[in-house]
C-alpha atoms as a PDB file:
ATOM      1  CA  MET A   1       8.733  50.469  -7.099  1.00  0.00           C
ATOM      2  CA  LYS A   2       5.882  49.798  -9.572  1.00  0.00           C
ATOM      3  CA  LYS A   3       7.657  46.666 -10.829  1.00  0.00           C
ATOM      4  CA  LEU A   4       7.923  45.364  -7.291  1.00  0.00           C
ATOM      5  CA  SER A   5       4.239  46.076  -6.602  1.00  0.00           C
ATOM      6  CA  ILE A   6       3.175  44.273  -9.774  1.00  0.00           C
ATOM      7  CA  ALA A   7       5.375  41.284  -8.904  1.00  0.00           C
ATOM      8  CA  VAL A   8       3.935  41.119  -5.380  1.00  0.00           C
ATOM      9  CA  ALA A   9       0.370  41.397  -6.706  1.00  0.00           C
ATOM     10  CA  LEU A  10       0.941  38.634  -9.269  1.00  0.00           C
ATOM     11  CA  SER A  11       2.471  36.308  -6.700  1.00  0.00           C
ATOM     12  CA  LEU A  12      -0.432  36.910  -4.309  1.00  0.00           C
ATOM     13  CA  LEU A  13      -2.910  36.178  -7.099  1.00  0.00           C
ATOM     14  CA  SER A  14      -1.173  32.927  -7.995  1.00  0.00           C
ATOM     15  CA  VAL A  15      -1.024  31.864  -4.328  1.00  0.00           C
ATOM     16  CA  ASN A  16      -4.717  32.694  -3.949  1.00  0.00           C
ATOM     17  CA  ALA A  17      -5.591  30.729  -7.107  1.00  0.00           C
ATOM     18  CA  PHE A  18      -3.574  27.775  -5.862  1.00  0.00           C
ATOM     19  CA  ALA A  19      -5.249  27.905  -2.446  1.00  0.00           C
ATOM     20  CA  GLN A  20      -8.664  27.879  -4.103  1.00  0.00           C
ATOM     21  CA  GLU A  21      -7.852  24.843  -6.274  1.00  0.00           C
ATOM     22  CA  LYS A  22     -10.052  22.065  -5.018  1.00  0.00           C
ATOM     23  CA  ILE A  23      -8.518  18.672  -4.317  1.00  0.00           C
ATOM     24  CA  ASN A  24     -10.778  15.830  -5.384  1.00  0.00           C
ATOM     25  CA  CYS A  25     -10.899  13.351  -2.551  1.00  0.00           C
ATOM     26  CA  THR A  26     -11.839   9.748  -3.035  1.00  0.00           C
ATOM     27  CA  HIS A  27     -12.853   8.198   0.245  1.00  0.00           C
ATOM     28  CA  ALA A  28     -13.153   4.509   0.950  1.00  0.00           C
ATOM     29  CA  ASP A  29     -15.063   2.887   3.751  1.00  0.00           C
ATOM     30  CA  LYS A  30     -13.644   0.238   6.062  1.00  0.00           C
ATOM     31  CA  THR A  31     -15.340  -2.582   4.157  1.00  0.00           C
ATOM     32  CA  GLN A  32     -13.643  -1.481   0.921  1.00  0.00           C
ATOM     33  CA  ILE A  33     -10.236  -1.399   2.590  1.00  0.00           C
ATOM     34  CA  GLU A  34     -10.816  -4.822   4.146  1.00  0.00           C
ATOM     35  CA  GLY A  35     -11.594  -6.024   0.622  1.00  0.00           C
ATOM     36  CA  LEU A  36      -8.210  -4.801  -0.614  1.00  0.00           C
ATOM     37  CA  PHE A  37      -6.482  -7.319   1.639  1.00  0.00           C
ATOM     38  CA  ASP A  38      -8.829 -10.007   0.314  1.00  0.00           C
ATOM     39  CA  ARG A  39      -7.925  -8.980  -3.263  1.00  0.00           C
ATOM     40  CA  TRP A  40      -4.206  -9.120  -2.423  1.00  0.00           C
ATOM     41  CA  ASN A  41      -4.581 -12.494  -0.680  1.00  0.00           C
ATOM     42  CA  ALA A  42      -6.531 -13.871  -3.667  1.00  0.00           C
ATOM     43  CA  SER A  43      -3.702 -12.720  -5.954  1.00  0.00           C
ATOM     44  CA  LEU A  44      -1.269 -14.768  -3.834  1.00  0.00           C
ATOM     45  CA  LYS A  45      -3.377 -17.845  -4.548  1.00  0.00           C
ATOM     46  CA  THR A  46      -2.897 -17.383  -8.319  1.00  0.00           C
ATOM     47  CA  GLY A  47       0.783 -18.262  -7.861  1.00  0.00           C
ATOM     48  CA  ASP A  48       1.666 -15.456 -10.303  1.00  0.00           C
ATOM     49  CA  ALA A  49       4.140 -12.910  -8.907  1.00  0.00           C
ATOM     50  CA  LYS A  50       3.194 -10.311 -11.552  1.00  0.00           C
ATOM     51  CA  THR A  51      -0.473 -10.556 -10.536  1.00  0.00           C
ATOM     52  CA  VAL A  52       0.509  -9.916  -6.914  1.00  0.00           C
ATOM     53  CA  SER A  53       2.782  -7.019  -7.884  1.00  0.00           C
ATOM     54  CA  ASP A  54      -0.076  -5.414  -9.850  1.00  0.00           C
ATOM     55  CA  ASN A  55      -1.718  -4.579  -6.493  1.00  0.00           C
ATOM     56  CA  TYR A  56       1.095  -2.065  -5.814  1.00  0.00           C
ATOM     57  CA  LEU A  57       1.823   1.388  -7.169  1.00  0.00           C
ATOM     58  CA  SER A  58       4.873   1.322  -9.439  1.00  0.00           C
ATOM     59  CA  ASP A  59       6.855   3.281  -6.823  1.00  0.00           C
ATOM     60  CA  ALA A  60       5.485   1.423  -3.789  1.00  0.00           C
ATOM     61  CA  VAL A  61       7.764   0.340  -0.964  1.00  0.00           C
ATOM     62  CA  LEU A  62       7.661  -3.304   0.127  1.00  0.00           C
ATOM     63  CA  LEU A  63       9.374  -4.262   3.389  1.00  0.00           C
ATOM     64  CA  PRO A  64       8.701  -8.017   3.247  1.00  0.00           C
ATOM     65  CA  THR A  65       8.396 -10.574   6.015  1.00  0.00           C
ATOM     66  CA  VAL A  66      10.889 -13.160   4.781  1.00  0.00           C
ATOM     67  CA  SER A  67      13.557 -11.032   3.093  1.00  0.00           C
ATOM     68  CA  ASN A  68      16.127  -8.513   4.296  1.00  0.00           C
ATOM     69  CA  HIS A  69      15.894  -6.499   1.064  1.00  0.00           C
ATOM     70  CA  VAL A  70      13.623  -3.480   0.607  1.00  0.00           C
ATOM     71  CA  ARG A  71      11.703  -3.773  -2.685  1.00  0.00           C
ATOM     72  CA  LEU A  72      11.217  -0.434  -4.478  1.00  0.00           C
ATOM     73  CA  THR A  73      10.407  -1.378  -8.072  1.00  0.00           C
ATOM     74  CA  ASP A  74       7.959  -3.629  -9.867  1.00  0.00           C
ATOM     75  CA  ALA A  75      10.810  -5.956 -10.854  1.00  0.00           C
ATOM     76  CA  GLU A  76      12.053  -6.202  -7.255  1.00  0.00           C
ATOM     77  CA  ARG A  77       8.546  -6.953  -5.967  1.00  0.00           C
ATOM     78  CA  VAL A  78       8.008  -9.596  -8.647  1.00  0.00           C
ATOM     79  CA  ASP A  79      11.359 -11.172  -7.679  1.00  0.00           C
ATOM     80  CA  TYR A  80      10.307 -11.311  -4.018  1.00  0.00           C
ATOM     81  CA  PHE A  81       6.897 -12.795  -4.746  1.00  0.00           C
ATOM     82  CA  GLU A  82       8.331 -15.402  -7.152  1.00  0.00           C
ATOM     83  CA  HIS A  83      10.204 -16.849  -4.172  1.00  0.00           C
ATOM     84  CA  PHE A  84       7.477 -16.278  -1.578  1.00  0.00           C
ATOM     85  CA  LEU A  85       4.748 -17.868  -3.743  1.00  0.00           C
ATOM     86  CA  LYS A  86       6.689 -21.148  -3.998  1.00  0.00           C
ATOM     87  CA  LYS A  87       5.560 -21.773  -0.401  1.00  0.00           C
ATOM     88  CA  LYS A  88       1.891 -21.412  -1.463  1.00  0.00           C
ATOM     89  CA  PRO A  89       0.958 -18.848   1.207  1.00  0.00           C
ATOM     90  CA  SER A  90      -2.537 -18.002   2.340  1.00  0.00           C
ATOM     91  CA  GLY A  91      -3.076 -15.090   4.707  1.00  0.00           C
ATOM     92  CA  LYS A  92      -5.670 -14.479   7.396  1.00  0.00           C
ATOM     93  CA  ILE A  93      -6.184 -11.263   9.350  1.00  0.00           C
ATOM     94  CA  ASP A  94      -6.016 -11.822  13.112  1.00  0.00           C
ATOM     95  CA  SER A  95      -6.608  -8.216  14.172  1.00  0.00           C
ATOM     96  CA  ARG A  96      -6.639  -4.867  12.397  1.00  0.00           C
ATOM     97  CA  THR A  97      -7.157  -1.136  12.667  1.00  0.00           C
ATOM     98  CA  ILE A  98      -8.155   0.863   9.600  1.00  0.00           C
ATOM     99  CA  ARG A  99      -7.679   4.624   9.231  1.00  0.00           C
ATOM    100  CA  LEU A 100      -9.298   6.509   6.341  1.00  0.00           C
ATOM    101  CA  GLY A 101      -8.380   9.773   4.639  1.00  0.00           C
ATOM    102  CA  CYS A 102      -8.477  11.789   1.438  1.00  0.00           C
ATOM    103  CA  ASN A 103      -7.182   9.486  -1.329  1.00  0.00           C
ATOM    104  CA  LYS A 104      -5.453   7.277   1.230  1.00  0.00           C
ATOM    105  CA  ALA A 105      -6.095   4.583   3.802  1.00  0.00           C
ATOM    106  CA  ILE A 106      -4.031   2.582   6.285  1.00  0.00           C
ATOM    107  CA  ASP A 107      -4.719  -1.002   7.347  1.00  0.00           C
ATOM    108  CA  THR A 108      -2.456  -2.162  10.159  1.00  0.00           C
ATOM    109  CA  GLY A 109      -2.546  -5.171  12.426  1.00  0.00           C
ATOM    110  CA  VAL A 110      -1.525  -8.800  12.710  1.00  0.00           C
ATOM    111  CA  TYR A 111      -1.918 -11.561  10.139  1.00  0.00           C
ATOM    112  CA  THR A 112      -0.994 -15.218   9.920  1.00  0.00           C
ATOM    113  CA  PHE A 113       0.220 -17.022   6.831  1.00  0.00           C
ATOM    114  CA  THR A 114      -0.295 -20.736   6.393  1.00  0.00           C
ATOM    115  CA  PHE A 115       1.886 -22.480   3.823  1.00  0.00           C
ATOM    116  CA  ALA A 116       1.433 -25.670   1.777  1.00  0.00           C
ATOM    117  CA  ASP A 117       3.589 -27.626   4.244  1.00  0.00           C
ATOM    118  CA  LYS A 118       1.145 -26.539   7.029  1.00  0.00           C
ATOM    119  CA  SER A 119       3.755 -24.307   8.684  1.00  0.00           C
ATOM    120  CA  THR A 120       2.614 -20.860   9.784  1.00  0.00           C
ATOM    121  CA  VAL A 121       4.113 -17.459  10.467  1.00  0.00           C
ATOM    122  CA  THR A 122       2.370 -14.686  12.352  1.00  0.00           C
ATOM    123  CA  ALA A 123       3.461 -11.171  11.466  1.00  0.00           C
ATOM    124  CA  ARG A 124       2.694  -7.541  12.108  1.00  0.00           C
ATOM    125  CA  TYR A 125       1.683  -5.659   8.976  1.00  0.00           C
ATOM    126  CA  THR A 126       0.899  -2.225   7.641  1.00  0.00           C
ATOM    127  CA  PHE A 127      -0.619  -1.639   4.222  1.00  0.00           C
ATOM    128  CA  THR A 128      -0.932   1.961   3.106  1.00  0.00           C
ATOM    129  CA  TYR A 129      -3.206   2.506   0.143  1.00  0.00           C
ATOM    130  CA  ALA A 130      -3.450   5.387  -2.316  1.00  0.00           C
ATOM    131  CA  TRP A 131      -6.130   6.204  -4.859  1.00  0.00           C
ATOM    132  CA  ASP A 132      -4.399   6.358  -8.265  1.00  0.00           C
ATOM    133  CA  GLY A 133      -7.353   7.962 -10.049  1.00  0.00           C
ATOM    134  CA  LYS A 134      -8.848   4.606 -11.044  1.00  0.00           C
ATOM    135  CA  ASP A 135      -8.224   2.138  -8.252  1.00  0.00           C
ATOM    136  CA  TRP A 136      -6.866   1.694  -4.745  1.00  0.00           C
ATOM    137  CA  LYS A 137      -3.260   0.507  -4.852  1.00  0.00           C
ATOM    138  CA  ILE A 138      -0.744  -0.397  -2.173  1.00  0.00           C
ATOM    139  CA  SER A 139       1.681   2.505  -1.706  1.00  0.00           C
ATOM    140  CA  SER A 140       3.674   0.804   1.049  1.00  0.00           C
ATOM    141  CA  HIS A 141       3.584  -2.586   2.711  1.00  0.00           C
ATOM    142  CA  HIS A 142       5.560  -3.458   5.805  1.00  0.00           C
ATOM    143  CA  SER A 143       5.464  -6.937   7.280  1.00  0.00           C
ATOM    144  CA  SER A 144       7.612  -8.359  10.043  1.00  0.00           C
ATOM    145  CA  ALA A 145       7.436 -11.646  11.876  1.00  0.00           C
ATOM    146  CA  MET A 146       6.443 -11.408  15.512  1.00  0.00           C
ATOM    147  CA  PRO A 147       9.560 -11.158  17.688  1.00  0.00           C
ATOM    148  CA  GLU A 148       8.222 -13.436  20.395  1.00  0.00           C
ATOM    149  CA  SER A 149       6.900 -16.942  19.834  1.00  0.00           C
END
């Protein structure tokens, strides 16, 4: 019985210590999150797929606009952007909603890409961002062309 009481007491102490552990929250404001799209868009203009991929966490999920393949690794994202960058894209936000939280943010809306040949594609997007301890990085990015023209 004493062994059980000691085990229960120790588990309650460890639960209590865990509950009291403070989570350090980094909060961004809407202007900062808007700037993350600008940073990503500027990286597209470099033409360097690795530079674009550096905006993402190493385990980020990319559901791209012009590919049927989900990209889950740095190498897969670089592969996607090597092809996408050949079109010389430049993005512009048409409308957006930003939600802020502890160490995370969501930017969702509609953007339009213009390419070197002057063609355009309008797409719905969602960027989720996570604070990695040093910088805001994309943790997931979903983009899909608008279904109606």
